[in-house]
Amino acid sequence: MTPRYDVIVGTGGIGTGIVLALEGNRTLGREESRPADLLDQRDYCKLHIVCHYIPRLLGPGFPVLPIGKVGADDAGRAVLAEMRAVGLDTTFVGTSDRPTLFSVCYQYPDGDGGNLSTSRSASDEVSVGDVQATQSLFGRHRGRGVAVALPEVSLAPRLALLRLATEHDWLRVATLVPGEVDEAREAGLLQEVDLLALNIDEAAALARTPTTATVTDVIEAATAELRRVGCTASLLVTAGSRGSWTWDGHDLAHAAAVDAGGEVSSTAGAGDAHLSALVVGLVCGLDLASANSFAALVSGLKVRSRHTIDPDLDAATVLALAERLGRPLDRALVDALEGQRL
């Protein structure tokens, strides 16, 4: 299998954290105090999660280079060791005097949840200069790379990464959290994106629609907003158990959430696993809707793990699930995954 792309470079948060299980499904209030159980679960930040699954599916020989920073602390050293162990190239992950990014993931009994991350962490020091240090890499892979710009670092280095990708004809992928949508719109980030990956709440923030609106109404409003600001990006919207949708500029396609069997342990990190697998599908030459259908298999597997990175998810487990469910995969994708199962 000759991949459509041969390198992935991303920037975003790198760190660790804890997971709390809240009592009661009602949304936390501004001044509310509520009991929660500290769970025996490992939590990680966005860039690490998205990057992790790519070598697990395509093999450690496929180059994936995160751009970020960790602290000179135990958490930073542990995260770096884990990233290197799975095959990530950490050449562009620096060390800061600030502490490693720390997050608190909270979960409601119904499986929904959210995430809080520390300010003034090592990830906050990721700069435009850190991104520009990768410029020669972009030049060597002109037209053959994927740039992934993720939250938990400031918008400036993410925009710098996307602009480098524009200059070198790379595929440009980005995601945004609701609180930074307006800033990203004003900074022109949306005009530097080929694929915008959002969950339903993020899409509603982009579209300026209530989160109670139907998914299709949110997507329609989001695509209209993208057109209004001159953005021609395709769109991925994930909505948990309701599945996921892609818009490629012509067609809206839905992929149902996959029941991989067993108990749902945690949905935390499922959206990031989904994005990672979708990128893998695009690397293998799949169209957007087919890549999203494959990504649904991966996120369906991930929710069985209590950790935000499922340490057991790999090419073999995905192939086994596809076979068990009778879901044929594209030949090029199967070739790539089977190469890792041997």
C-alpha atoms as a PDB file:
ATOM      1  CA  MET A   1       0.000   0.000   0.000  1.00  0.00           C
ATOM      2  CA  THR A   2       1.357   3.388  -1.047  1.00  0.00           C
ATOM      3  CA  PRO A   3      -0.177   5.985   1.268  1.00  0.00           C
ATOM      4  CA  ARG A   4      -1.643   9.218  -0.047  1.00  0.00           C
ATOM      5  CA  TYR A   5       0.390  11.065   2.616  1.00  0.00           C
ATOM      6  CA  ASP A   6       3.709  10.058   4.144  1.00  0.00           C
ATOM      7  CA  VAL A   7       4.125  12.219   7.268  1.00  0.00           C
ATOM      8  CA  ILE A   8       1.926  13.801   9.946  1.00  0.00           C
ATOM      9  CA  VAL A   9       2.924  16.840  11.998  1.00  0.00           C
ATOM     10  CA  GLY A  10       0.696  18.203  14.742  1.00  0.00           C
ATOM     11  CA  THR A  11       0.645  20.706  17.538  1.00  0.00           C
ATOM     12  CA  GLY A  12      -1.541  20.846  20.629  1.00  0.00           C
ATOM     13  CA  GLY A  13      -1.504  20.021  24.315  1.00  0.00           C
ATOM     14  CA  ILE A  14       0.694  17.328  25.795  1.00  0.00           C
ATOM     15  CA  GLY A  15       0.100  16.345  29.391  1.00  0.00           C
ATOM     16  CA  THR A  16      -1.636  14.154  31.896  1.00  0.00           C
ATOM     17  CA  GLY A  17      -4.416  14.375  34.436  1.00  0.00           C
ATOM     18  CA  ILE A  18      -7.067  12.745  36.576  1.00  0.00           C
ATOM     19  CA  VAL A  19     -10.619  11.541  35.995  1.00  0.00           C
ATOM     20  CA  LEU A  20     -13.517  12.286  38.347  1.00  0.00           C
ATOM     21  CA  ALA A  21     -16.871  10.495  38.288  1.00  0.00           C
ATOM     22  CA  LEU A  22     -19.570  12.968  39.307  1.00  0.00           C
ATOM     23  CA  GLU A  23     -22.693  12.045  41.218  1.00  0.00           C
ATOM     24  CA  GLY A  24     -25.877  12.946  39.340  1.00  0.00           C
ATOM     25  CA  ASN A  25     -26.438  13.760  35.660  1.00  0.00           C
ATOM     26  CA  ARG A  26     -27.521  17.385  36.042  1.00  0.00           C
ATOM     27  CA  THR A  27     -25.047  19.876  34.585  1.00  0.00           C
ATOM     28  CA  LEU A  28     -22.684  21.445  37.097  1.00  0.00           C
ATOM     29  CA  GLY A  29     -23.769  24.874  38.292  1.00  0.00           C
ATOM     30  CA  ARG A  30     -21.513  27.896  38.669  1.00  0.00           C
ATOM     31  CA  GLU A  31     -21.449  27.772  42.473  1.00  0.00           C
ATOM     32  CA  GLU A  32     -22.214  24.112  42.986  1.00  0.00           C
ATOM     33  CA  SER A  33     -20.172  21.711  45.098  1.00  0.00           C
ATOM     34  CA  ARG A  34     -20.682  18.066  44.243  1.00  0.00           C
ATOM     35  CA  PRO A  35     -19.076  14.793  45.403  1.00  0.00           C
ATOM     36  CA  ALA A  36     -17.017  12.861  42.872  1.00  0.00           C
ATOM     37  CA  ASP A  37     -14.998   9.655  42.860  1.00  0.00           C
ATOM     38  CA  LEU A  38     -11.335   9.833  41.823  1.00  0.00           C
ATOM     39  CA  LEU A  39     -11.092   7.016  39.294  1.00  0.00           C
ATOM     40  CA  ASP A  40      -8.213   4.705  38.538  1.00  0.00           C
ATOM     41  CA  GLN A  41      -7.975   6.031  34.985  1.00  0.00           C
ATOM     42  CA  ARG A  42      -5.133   7.596  33.013  1.00  0.00           C
ATOM     43  CA  ASP A  43      -5.940  10.899  31.359  1.00  0.00           C
ATOM     44  CA  TYR A  44      -3.968  12.497  28.531  1.00  0.00           C
ATOM     45  CA  CYS A  45      -4.170  15.672  26.470  1.00  0.00           C
ATOM     46  CA  LYS A  46      -5.324  16.124  22.894  1.00  0.00           C
ATOM     47  CA  LEU A  47      -2.146  16.047  20.823  1.00  0.00           C
ATOM     48  CA  HIS A  48      -0.880  12.938  22.573  1.00  0.00           C
ATOM     49  CA  ILE A  49      -4.199  11.121  22.131  1.00  0.00           C
ATOM     50  CA  VAL A  50      -4.583  11.930  18.439  1.00  0.00           C
ATOM     51  CA  CYS A  51      -0.956  11.112  17.638  1.00  0.00           C
ATOM     52  CA  HIS A  52      -0.954   7.890  19.678  1.00  0.00           C
ATOM     53  CA  TYR A  53      -3.331   5.877  17.506  1.00  0.00           C
ATOM     54  CA  ILE A  54      -1.649   6.642  14.182  1.00  0.00           C
ATOM     55  CA  PRO A  55       1.421   4.433  14.743  1.00  0.00           C
ATOM     56  CA  ARG A  56      -0.800   1.884  16.487  1.00  0.00           C
ATOM     57  CA  LEU A  57      -2.754   1.556  13.240  1.00  0.00           C
ATOM     58  CA  LEU A  58      -0.166   2.355  10.556  1.00  0.00           C
ATOM     59  CA  GLY A  59       2.892   1.099  12.390  1.00  0.00           C
ATOM     60  CA  PRO A  60       5.749   2.829  14.206  1.00  0.00           C
ATOM     61  CA  GLY A  61       7.582   3.314  10.905  1.00  0.00           C
ATOM     62  CA  PHE A  62       5.049   5.892   9.728  1.00  0.00           C
ATOM     63  CA  PRO A  63       6.472   9.291  10.778  1.00  0.00           C
ATOM     64  CA  VAL A  64       4.317  11.222  13.240  1.00  0.00           C
ATOM     65  CA  LEU A  65       5.936  14.309  14.769  1.00  0.00           C
ATOM     66  CA  PRO A  66       4.184  16.216  17.558  1.00  0.00           C
ATOM     67  CA  ILE A  67       5.212  19.820  18.245  1.00  0.00           C
ATOM     68  CA  GLY A  68       4.809  20.725  21.909  1.00  0.00           C
ATOM     69  CA  LYS A  69       6.369  21.216  25.302  1.00  0.00           C
ATOM     70  CA  VAL A  70       6.388  19.395  28.608  1.00  0.00           C
ATOM     71  CA  GLY A  71       7.760  20.372  31.993  1.00  0.00           C
ATOM     72  CA  ALA A  72      11.032  19.178  33.493  1.00  0.00           C
ATOM     73  CA  ASP A  73       9.008  17.084  35.920  1.00  0.00           C
ATOM     74  CA  ASP A  74       7.979  13.480  36.473  1.00  0.00           C
ATOM     75  CA  ALA A  75       4.775  13.921  34.484  1.00  0.00           C
ATOM     76  CA  GLY A  76       6.641  15.324  31.502  1.00  0.00           C
ATOM     77  CA  ARG A  77       9.248  12.571  31.543  1.00  0.00           C
ATOM     78  CA  ALA A  78       6.580   9.884  31.814  1.00  0.00           C
ATOM     79  CA  VAL A  79       4.509  11.269  28.936  1.00  0.00           C
ATOM     80  CA  LEU A  80       7.584  11.587  26.706  1.00  0.00           C
ATOM     81  CA  ALA A  81       8.551   7.999  27.460  1.00  0.00           C
ATOM     82  CA  GLU A  82       5.076   6.775  26.515  1.00  0.00           C
ATOM     83  CA  MET A  83       5.069   8.769  23.279  1.00  0.00           C
ATOM     84  CA  ARG A  84       8.446   7.389  22.250  1.00  0.00           C
ATOM     85  CA  ALA A  85       7.464   3.836  23.185  1.00  0.00           C
ATOM     86  CA  VAL A  86       4.573   3.842  20.703  1.00  0.00           C
ATOM     87  CA  GLY A  87       6.796   5.166  17.914  1.00  0.00           C
ATOM     88  CA  LEU A  88       6.224   8.929  17.937  1.00  0.00           C
ATOM     89  CA  ASP A  89       9.160  11.122  16.914  1.00  0.00           C
ATOM     90  CA  THR A  90       9.531  13.646  19.757  1.00  0.00           C
ATOM     91  CA  THR A  91      12.285  15.704  18.104  1.00  0.00           C
ATOM     92  CA  PHE A  92      10.077  18.791  18.279  1.00  0.00           C
ATOM     93  CA  VAL A  93       8.785  18.301  21.831  1.00  0.00           C
ATOM     94  CA  GLY A  94      10.758  20.672  24.031  1.00  0.00           C
ATOM     95  CA  THR A  95      11.126  21.093  27.787  1.00  0.00           C
ATOM     96  CA  SER A  96       9.873  24.113  29.705  1.00  0.00           C
ATOM     97  CA  ASP A  97      10.447  25.542  33.166  1.00  0.00           C
ATOM     98  CA  ARG A  98       6.678  25.519  33.529  1.00  0.00           C
ATOM     99  CA  PRO A  99       4.880  22.375  34.721  1.00  0.00           C
ATOM    100  CA  THR A 100       3.497  19.814  32.316  1.00  0.00           C
ATOM    101  CA  LEU A 101      -0.095  20.481  31.272  1.00  0.00           C
ATOM    102  CA  PHE A 102      -2.501  18.902  33.752  1.00  0.00           C
ATOM    103  CA  SER A 103      -6.168  18.199  33.107  1.00  0.00           C
ATOM    104  CA  VAL A 104      -9.178  17.175  35.121  1.00  0.00           C
ATOM    105  CA  CYS A 105     -11.653  15.073  33.158  1.00  0.00           C
ATOM    106  CA  TYR A 106     -15.110  14.829  34.735  1.00  0.00           C
ATOM    107  CA  GLN A 107     -17.793  12.343  33.810  1.00  0.00           C
ATOM    108  CA  TYR A 108     -21.503  12.177  34.497  1.00  0.00           C
ATOM    109  CA  PRO A 109     -23.165   8.822  35.207  1.00  0.00           C
ATOM    110  CA  ASP A 110     -24.780   8.854  31.723  1.00  0.00           C
ATOM    111  CA  GLY A 111     -21.324   8.921  30.104  1.00  0.00           C
ATOM    112  CA  ASP A 112     -21.188  12.597  29.107  1.00  0.00           C
ATOM    113  CA  GLY A 113     -18.488  14.815  30.564  1.00  0.00           C
ATOM    114  CA  GLY A 114     -15.967  17.557  30.053  1.00  0.00           C
ATOM    115  CA  ASN A 115     -12.418  18.607  30.675  1.00  0.00           C
ATOM    116  CA  LEU A 116     -10.544  21.355  32.532  1.00  0.00           C
ATOM    117  CA  SER A 117      -6.883  22.094  31.794  1.00  0.00           C
ATOM    118  CA  THR A 118      -4.324  24.146  33.677  1.00  0.00           C
ATOM    119  CA  SER A 119      -3.260  27.580  32.457  1.00  0.00           C
ATOM    120  CA  ARG A 120       0.367  28.743  32.380  1.00  0.00           C
ATOM    121  CA  SER A 121       1.601  25.235  31.670  1.00  0.00           C
ATOM    122  CA  ALA A 122       4.465  24.097  29.467  1.00  0.00           C
ATOM    123  CA  SER A 123       1.995  23.788  26.575  1.00  0.00           C
ATOM    124  CA  ASP A 124       1.277  27.516  26.833  1.00  0.00           C
ATOM    125  CA  GLU A 125       4.888  28.161  25.843  1.00  0.00           C
ATOM    126  CA  VAL A 126       4.593  26.481  22.453  1.00  0.00           C
ATOM    127  CA  SER A 127       5.413  29.310  20.032  1.00  0.00           C
ATOM    128  CA  VAL A 128       5.340  30.211  16.367  1.00  0.00           C
ATOM    129  CA  GLY A 129       9.113  29.711  16.415  1.00  0.00           C
ATOM    130  CA  ASP A 130       8.662  26.119  17.582  1.00  0.00           C
ATOM    131  CA  VAL A 131       6.453  25.498  14.559  1.00  0.00           C
ATOM    132  CA  GLN A 132       8.771  27.266  12.132  1.00  0.00           C
ATOM    133  CA  ALA A 133      11.609  24.988  13.278  1.00  0.00           C
ATOM    134  CA  THR A 134       9.875  22.227  11.283  1.00  0.00           C
ATOM    135  CA  GLN A 135       9.923  24.147   7.985  1.00  0.00           C
ATOM    136  CA  SER A 136      12.571  21.979   6.313  1.00  0.00           C
ATOM    137  CA  LEU A 137      10.418  18.926   7.050  1.00  0.00           C
ATOM    138  CA  PHE A 138       7.535  20.535   5.181  1.00  0.00           C
ATOM    139  CA  GLY A 139       9.813  21.233   2.245  1.00  0.00           C
ATOM    140  CA  ARG A 140      10.954  17.619   2.042  1.00  0.00           C
ATOM    141  CA  HIS A 141       7.357  16.357   1.941  1.00  0.00           C
ATOM    142  CA  ARG A 142       5.717  18.951  -0.300  1.00  0.00           C
ATOM    143  CA  GLY A 143       2.195  17.834  -1.155  1.00  0.00           C
ATOM    144  CA  ARG A 144       2.575  14.652   0.911  1.00  0.00           C
ATOM    145  CA  GLY A 145       1.939  15.644   4.515  1.00  0.00           C
ATOM    146  CA  VAL A 146      -0.901  16.193   6.989  1.00  0.00           C
ATOM    147  CA  ALA A 147      -0.847  19.062   9.494  1.00  0.00           C
ATOM    148  CA  VAL A 148      -3.081  18.720  12.558  1.00  0.00           C
ATOM    149  CA  ALA A 149      -3.730  21.816  14.700  1.00  0.00           C
ATOM    150  CA  LEU A 150      -5.326  21.032  18.068  1.00  0.00           C
ATOM    151  CA  PRO A 151      -6.356  22.959  21.202  1.00  0.00           C
ATOM    152  CA  GLU A 152      -4.454  23.315  24.487  1.00  0.00           C
ATOM    153  CA  VAL A 153      -1.793  25.481  22.871  1.00  0.00           C
ATOM    154  CA  SER A 154      -2.474  29.063  21.788  1.00  0.00           C
ATOM    155  CA  LEU A 155      -3.964  29.860  18.391  1.00  0.00           C
ATOM    156  CA  ALA A 156      -0.816  31.572  17.070  1.00  0.00           C
ATOM    157  CA  PRO A 157       1.342  28.428  16.691  1.00  0.00           C
ATOM    158  CA  ARG A 158      -1.636  26.472  15.391  1.00  0.00           C
ATOM    159  CA  LEU A 159      -2.257  29.096  12.728  1.00  0.00           C
ATOM    160  CA  ALA A 160       1.466  29.104  11.892  1.00  0.00           C
ATOM    161  CA  LEU A 161       1.333  25.338  11.386  1.00  0.00           C
ATOM    162  CA  LEU A 162      -1.678  25.585   9.099  1.00  0.00           C
ATOM    163  CA  ARG A 163      -0.058  28.356   7.071  1.00  0.00           C
ATOM    164  CA  LEU A 164       3.086  26.266   6.636  1.00  0.00           C
ATOM    165  CA  ALA A 165       0.825  23.481   5.417  1.00  0.00           C
ATOM    166  CA  THR A 166      -0.843  25.863   2.975  1.00  0.00           C
ATOM    167  CA  GLU A 167       2.535  26.924   1.578  1.00  0.00           C
ATOM    168  CA  HIS A 168       3.600  23.316   1.057  1.00  0.00           C
ATOM    169  CA  ASP A 169       0.283  21.903  -0.204  1.00  0.00           C
ATOM    170  CA  TRP A 170      -0.374  19.665   2.823  1.00  0.00           C
ATOM    171  CA  LEU A 171      -3.730  18.482   4.058  1.00  0.00           C
ATOM    172  CA  ARG A 172      -4.768  20.851   6.856  1.00  0.00           C
ATOM    173  CA  VAL A 173      -6.835  19.510   9.782  1.00  0.00           C
ATOM    174  CA  ALA A 174      -7.961  21.534  12.775  1.00  0.00           C
ATOM    175  CA  THR A 175     -10.332  21.450  15.702  1.00  0.00           C
ATOM    176  CA  LEU A 176     -11.523  24.174  18.067  1.00  0.00           C
ATOM    177  CA  VAL A 177     -13.102  24.369  21.504  1.00  0.00           C
ATOM    178  CA  PRO A 178     -16.195  26.575  21.896  1.00  0.00           C
ATOM    179  CA  GLY A 179     -14.435  29.364  23.794  1.00  0.00           C
ATOM    180  CA  GLU A 180     -11.944  30.054  20.988  1.00  0.00           C
ATOM    181  CA  VAL A 181     -14.266  29.937  17.967  1.00  0.00           C
ATOM    182  CA  ASP A 182     -14.645  33.731  17.724  1.00  0.00           C
ATOM    183  CA  GLU A 183     -10.911  34.325  18.075  1.00  0.00           C
ATOM    184  CA  ALA A 184     -10.157  31.718  15.428  1.00  0.00           C
ATOM    185  CA  ARG A 185     -12.712  33.260  13.081  1.00  0.00           C
ATOM    186  CA  GLU A 186     -11.207  36.728  13.496  1.00  0.00           C
ATOM    187  CA  ALA A 187      -7.628  35.446  13.108  1.00  0.00           C
ATOM    188  CA  GLY A 188      -8.425  33.889   9.733  1.00  0.00           C
ATOM    189  CA  LEU A 189      -7.739  30.344  10.900  1.00  0.00           C
ATOM    190  CA  LEU A 190     -10.836  28.966   9.180  1.00  0.00           C
ATOM    191  CA  GLN A 191      -9.477  29.991   5.793  1.00  0.00           C
ATOM    192  CA  GLU A 192      -6.397  27.805   6.387  1.00  0.00           C
ATOM    193  CA  VAL A 193      -8.277  24.533   6.973  1.00  0.00           C
ATOM    194  CA  ASP A 194      -9.249  21.643   4.686  1.00  0.00           C
ATOM    195  CA  LEU A 195     -11.005  19.597   7.367  1.00  0.00           C
ATOM    196  CA  LEU A 196     -12.567  21.054  10.502  1.00  0.00           C
ATOM    197  CA  ALA A 197     -13.279  18.391  13.134  1.00  0.00           C
ATOM    198  CA  LEU A 198     -15.749  19.349  15.874  1.00  0.00           C
ATOM    199  CA  ASN A 199     -18.018  17.730  18.415  1.00  0.00           C
ATOM    200  CA  ILE A 200     -21.650  18.782  18.434  1.00  0.00           C
ATOM    201  CA  ASP A 201     -21.145  21.463  21.111  1.00  0.00           C
ATOM    202  CA  GLU A 202     -18.194  22.952  19.217  1.00  0.00           C
ATOM    203  CA  ALA A 203     -20.191  22.925  15.986  1.00  0.00           C
ATOM    204  CA  ALA A 204     -23.075  24.692  17.740  1.00  0.00           C
ATOM    205  CA  ALA A 205     -20.660  27.377  18.978  1.00  0.00           C
ATOM    206  CA  LEU A 206     -19.375  27.886  15.432  1.00  0.00           C
ATOM    207  CA  ALA A 207     -22.894  28.023  14.050  1.00  0.00           C
ATOM    208  CA  ARG A 208     -24.216  30.191  16.901  1.00  0.00           C
ATOM    209  CA  THR A 209     -27.074  27.765  17.411  1.00  0.00           C
ATOM    210  CA  PRO A 210     -28.378  26.357  20.696  1.00  0.00           C
ATOM    211  CA  THR A 211     -26.998  22.970  21.684  1.00  0.00           C
ATOM    212  CA  THR A 212     -30.615  21.763  21.865  1.00  0.00           C
ATOM    213  CA  ALA A 213     -30.973  22.102  18.075  1.00  0.00           C
ATOM    214  CA  THR A 214     -30.998  18.936  16.001  1.00  0.00           C
ATOM    215  CA  VAL A 215     -27.639  17.712  14.731  1.00  0.00           C
ATOM    216  CA  THR A 216     -28.590  18.301  11.103  1.00  0.00           C
ATOM    217  CA  ASP A 217     -29.730  21.858  11.919  1.00  0.00           C
ATOM    218  CA  VAL A 218     -26.417  22.524  13.681  1.00  0.00           C
ATOM    219  CA  ILE A 219     -24.438  21.124  10.747  1.00  0.00           C
ATOM    220  CA  GLU A 220     -26.454  23.108   8.213  1.00  0.00           C
ATOM    221  CA  ALA A 221     -25.877  26.301  10.199  1.00  0.00           C
ATOM    222  CA  ALA A 222     -22.177  25.475  10.664  1.00  0.00           C
ATOM    223  CA  THR A 223     -21.601  24.903   6.957  1.00  0.00           C
ATOM    224  CA  ALA A 224     -23.445  28.136   6.191  1.00  0.00           C
ATOM    225  CA  GLU A 225     -21.152  29.974   8.621  1.00  0.00           C
ATOM    226  CA  LEU A 226     -18.072  28.457   7.000  1.00  0.00           C
ATOM    227  CA  ARG A 227     -19.261  29.618   3.586  1.00  0.00           C
ATOM    228  CA  ARG A 228     -20.027  33.076   4.981  1.00  0.00           C
ATOM    229  CA  VAL A 229     -16.424  33.566   6.111  1.00  0.00           C
ATOM    230  CA  GLY A 230     -14.981  32.148   2.891  1.00  0.00           C
ATOM    231  CA  CYS A 231     -13.962  28.783   4.330  1.00  0.00           C
ATOM    232  CA  THR A 232     -14.214  25.819   1.952  1.00  0.00           C
ATOM    233  CA  ALA A 233     -13.287  23.189   4.537  1.00  0.00           C
ATOM    234  CA  SER A 234     -14.982  19.844   4.838  1.00  0.00           C
ATOM    235  CA  LEU A 235     -16.603  19.194   8.200  1.00  0.00           C
ATOM    236  CA  LEU A 236     -16.619  16.332  10.705  1.00  0.00           C
ATOM    237  CA  VAL A 237     -19.124  16.518  13.557  1.00  0.00           C
ATOM    238  CA  THR A 238     -19.157  13.841  16.260  1.00  0.00           C
ATOM    239  CA  ALA A 239     -22.157  13.454  18.546  1.00  0.00           C
ATOM    240  CA  GLY A 240     -21.431  10.527  20.851  1.00  0.00           C
ATOM    241  CA  SER A 241     -24.018   7.753  20.761  1.00  0.00           C
ATOM    242  CA  ARG A 242     -25.845   9.550  17.923  1.00  0.00           C
ATOM    243  CA  GLY A 243     -22.912   8.875  15.640  1.00  0.00           C
ATOM    244  CA  SER A 244     -20.944  11.239  13.438  1.00  0.00           C
ATOM    245  CA  TRP A 245     -21.505  13.239  10.277  1.00  0.00           C
ATOM    246  CA  THR A 246     -19.244  14.427   7.477  1.00  0.00           C
ATOM    247  CA  TRP A 247     -19.836  17.184   4.948  1.00  0.00           C
ATOM    248  CA  ASP A 248     -17.467  17.209   1.975  1.00  0.00           C
ATOM    249  CA  GLY A 249     -18.916  20.270   0.297  1.00  0.00           C
ATOM    250  CA  HIS A 250     -21.477  18.227  -1.626  1.00  0.00           C
ATOM    251  CA  ASP A 251     -22.890  15.428   0.491  1.00  0.00           C
ATOM    252  CA  LEU A 252     -23.791  14.975   4.142  1.00  0.00           C
ATOM    253  CA  ALA A 253     -23.013  11.426   5.302  1.00  0.00           C
ATOM    254  CA  HIS A 254     -23.835   9.819   8.634  1.00  0.00           C
ATOM    255  CA  ALA A 255     -21.902   7.040  10.362  1.00  0.00           C
ATOM    256  CA  ALA A 256     -23.737   5.346  13.206  1.00  0.00           C
ATOM    257  CA  ALA A 257     -21.952   4.863  16.501  1.00  0.00           C
ATOM    258  CA  VAL A 258     -20.492   1.361  16.677  1.00  0.00           C
ATOM    259  CA  ASP A 259     -21.351  -1.030  19.489  1.00  0.00           C
ATOM    260  CA  ALA A 260     -18.112  -2.974  19.881  1.00  0.00           C
ATOM    261  CA  GLY A 261     -19.599  -5.175  22.584  1.00  0.00           C
ATOM    262  CA  GLY A 262     -18.871  -5.139  26.261  1.00  0.00           C
ATOM    263  CA  GLU A 263     -19.479  -2.367  28.748  1.00  0.00           C
ATOM    264  CA  VAL A 264     -18.908   1.299  27.915  1.00  0.00           C
ATOM    265  CA  SER A 265     -16.223   2.311  30.416  1.00  0.00           C
ATOM    266  CA  SER A 266     -15.502   5.903  29.383  1.00  0.00           C
ATOM    267  CA  THR A 267     -16.269   8.179  26.457  1.00  0.00           C
ATOM    268  CA  ALA A 268     -13.398  10.513  27.378  1.00  0.00           C
ATOM    269  CA  GLY A 269     -10.927  10.626  24.512  1.00  0.00           C
ATOM    270  CA  ALA A 270     -13.304   8.906  22.084  1.00  0.00           C
ATOM    271  CA  GLY A 271     -13.618  11.987  19.882  1.00  0.00           C
ATOM    272  CA  ASP A 272      -9.835  12.311  19.664  1.00  0.00           C
ATOM    273  CA  ALA A 273      -9.507   8.594  18.806  1.00  0.00           C
ATOM    274  CA  HIS A 274     -12.164   9.123  16.150  1.00  0.00           C
ATOM    275  CA  LEU A 275     -10.242  12.009  14.592  1.00  0.00           C
ATOM    276  CA  SER A 276      -7.007  10.043  14.676  1.00  0.00           C
ATOM    277  CA  ALA A 277      -8.593   7.111  12.836  1.00  0.00           C
ATOM    278  CA  LEU A 278     -10.219   9.409  10.306  1.00  0.00           C
ATOM    279  CA  VAL A 279      -6.792  10.871   9.509  1.00  0.00           C
ATOM    280  CA  VAL A 280      -5.461   7.318   9.120  1.00  0.00           C
ATOM    281  CA  GLY A 281      -8.237   6.623   6.627  1.00  0.00           C
ATOM    282  CA  LEU A 282      -7.379   9.741   4.634  1.00  0.00           C
ATOM    283  CA  VAL A 283      -3.686   8.795   4.670  1.00  0.00           C
ATOM    284  CA  CYS A 284      -4.684   5.470   3.101  1.00  0.00           C
ATOM    285  CA  GLY A 285      -6.612   7.234   0.333  1.00  0.00           C
ATOM    286  CA  LEU A 286     -10.194   6.812   1.570  1.00  0.00           C
ATOM    287  CA  ASP A 287     -12.808   9.446   0.820  1.00  0.00           C
ATOM    288  CA  LEU A 288     -14.102  11.417   3.796  1.00  0.00           C
ATOM    289  CA  ALA A 289     -17.286   9.412   4.384  1.00  0.00           C
ATOM    290  CA  SER A 290     -15.450   6.077   4.202  1.00  0.00           C
ATOM    291  CA  ALA A 291     -12.711   7.337   6.508  1.00  0.00           C
ATOM    292  CA  ASN A 292     -15.390   8.410   8.967  1.00  0.00           C
ATOM    293  CA  SER A 293     -17.065   5.008   8.855  1.00  0.00           C
ATOM    294  CA  PHE A 294     -13.709   3.446   9.742  1.00  0.00           C
ATOM    295  CA  ALA A 295     -13.209   6.009  12.510  1.00  0.00           C
ATOM    296  CA  ALA A 296     -16.529   4.937  14.046  1.00  0.00           C
ATOM    297  CA  LEU A 297     -15.070   1.445  14.522  1.00  0.00           C
ATOM    298  CA  VAL A 298     -12.072   2.875  16.365  1.00  0.00           C
ATOM    299  CA  SER A 299     -14.066   5.185  18.646  1.00  0.00           C
ATOM    300  CA  GLY A 300     -16.481   2.309  19.303  1.00  0.00           C
ATOM    301  CA  LEU A 301     -13.553   0.258  20.565  1.00  0.00           C
ATOM    302  CA  LYS A 302     -12.065   3.099  22.584  1.00  0.00           C
ATOM    303  CA  VAL A 303     -15.108   3.601  24.821  1.00  0.00           C
ATOM    304  CA  ARG A 304     -14.544   0.131  26.299  1.00  0.00           C
ATOM    305  CA  SER A 305     -11.318   1.406  27.904  1.00  0.00           C
ATOM    306  CA  ARG A 306     -11.412   3.437  31.090  1.00  0.00           C
ATOM    307  CA  HIS A 307      -8.350   5.430  29.992  1.00  0.00           C
ATOM    308  CA  THR A 308      -8.459   8.371  27.567  1.00  0.00           C
ATOM    309  CA  ILE A 309      -5.861   6.468  25.532  1.00  0.00           C
ATOM    310  CA  ASP A 310      -6.806   2.812  25.101  1.00  0.00           C
ATOM    311  CA  PRO A 311      -3.492   0.962  25.466  1.00  0.00           C
ATOM    312  CA  ASP A 312      -4.903  -2.198  23.855  1.00  0.00           C
ATOM    313  CA  LEU A 313      -6.370  -0.649  20.702  1.00  0.00           C
ATOM    314  CA  ASP A 314      -4.315  -1.490  17.621  1.00  0.00           C
ATOM    315  CA  ALA A 315      -4.646  -2.628  14.010  1.00  0.00           C
ATOM    316  CA  ALA A 316      -5.432  -6.217  15.011  1.00  0.00           C
ATOM    317  CA  THR A 317      -8.306  -5.280  17.341  1.00  0.00           C
ATOM    318  CA  VAL A 318      -9.861  -2.997  14.706  1.00  0.00           C
ATOM    319  CA  LEU A 319      -9.609  -5.651  11.981  1.00  0.00           C
ATOM    320  CA  ALA A 320     -11.135  -8.229  14.309  1.00  0.00           C
ATOM    321  CA  LEU A 321     -14.055  -5.930  15.102  1.00  0.00           C
ATOM    322  CA  ALA A 322     -14.679  -5.134  11.433  1.00  0.00           C
ATOM    323  CA  GLU A 323     -14.710  -8.856  10.639  1.00  0.00           C
ATOM    324  CA  ARG A 324     -17.003  -9.687  13.559  1.00  0.00           C
ATOM    325  CA  LEU A 325     -19.487  -6.968  12.562  1.00  0.00           C
ATOM    326  CA  GLY A 326     -19.318  -7.888   8.869  1.00  0.00           C
ATOM    327  CA  ARG A 327     -18.125  -4.434   7.870  1.00  0.00           C
ATOM    328  CA  PRO A 328     -15.796  -4.675   4.855  1.00  0.00           C
ATOM    329  CA  LEU A 329     -12.962  -2.162   4.783  1.00  0.00           C
ATOM    330  CA  ASP A 330     -11.265  -0.573   1.787  1.00  0.00           C
ATOM    331  CA  ARG A 331      -8.497  -2.796   0.398  1.00  0.00           C
ATOM    332  CA  ALA A 332      -5.778  -0.170   0.829  1.00  0.00           C
ATOM    333  CA  LEU A 333      -6.792   0.312   4.462  1.00  0.00           C
ATOM    334  CA  VAL A 334      -6.856  -3.431   5.108  1.00  0.00           C
ATOM    335  CA  ASP A 335      -3.400  -3.779   3.575  1.00  0.00           C
ATOM    336  CA  ALA A 336      -2.069  -1.055   5.896  1.00  0.00           C
ATOM    337  CA  LEU A 337      -3.660  -2.568   8.989  1.00  0.00           C
ATOM    338  CA  GLU A 338      -2.753  -6.137   8.153  1.00  0.00           C
ATOM    339  CA  GLY A 339       0.842  -5.062   7.720  1.00  0.00           C
ATOM    340  CA  GLN A 340       0.868  -4.233  11.434  1.00  0.00           C
ATOM    341  CA  ARG A 341      -0.850  -7.486  12.453  1.00  0.00           C
ATOM    342  CA  LEU A 342       1.857  -9.686  10.980  1.00  0.00           C
END
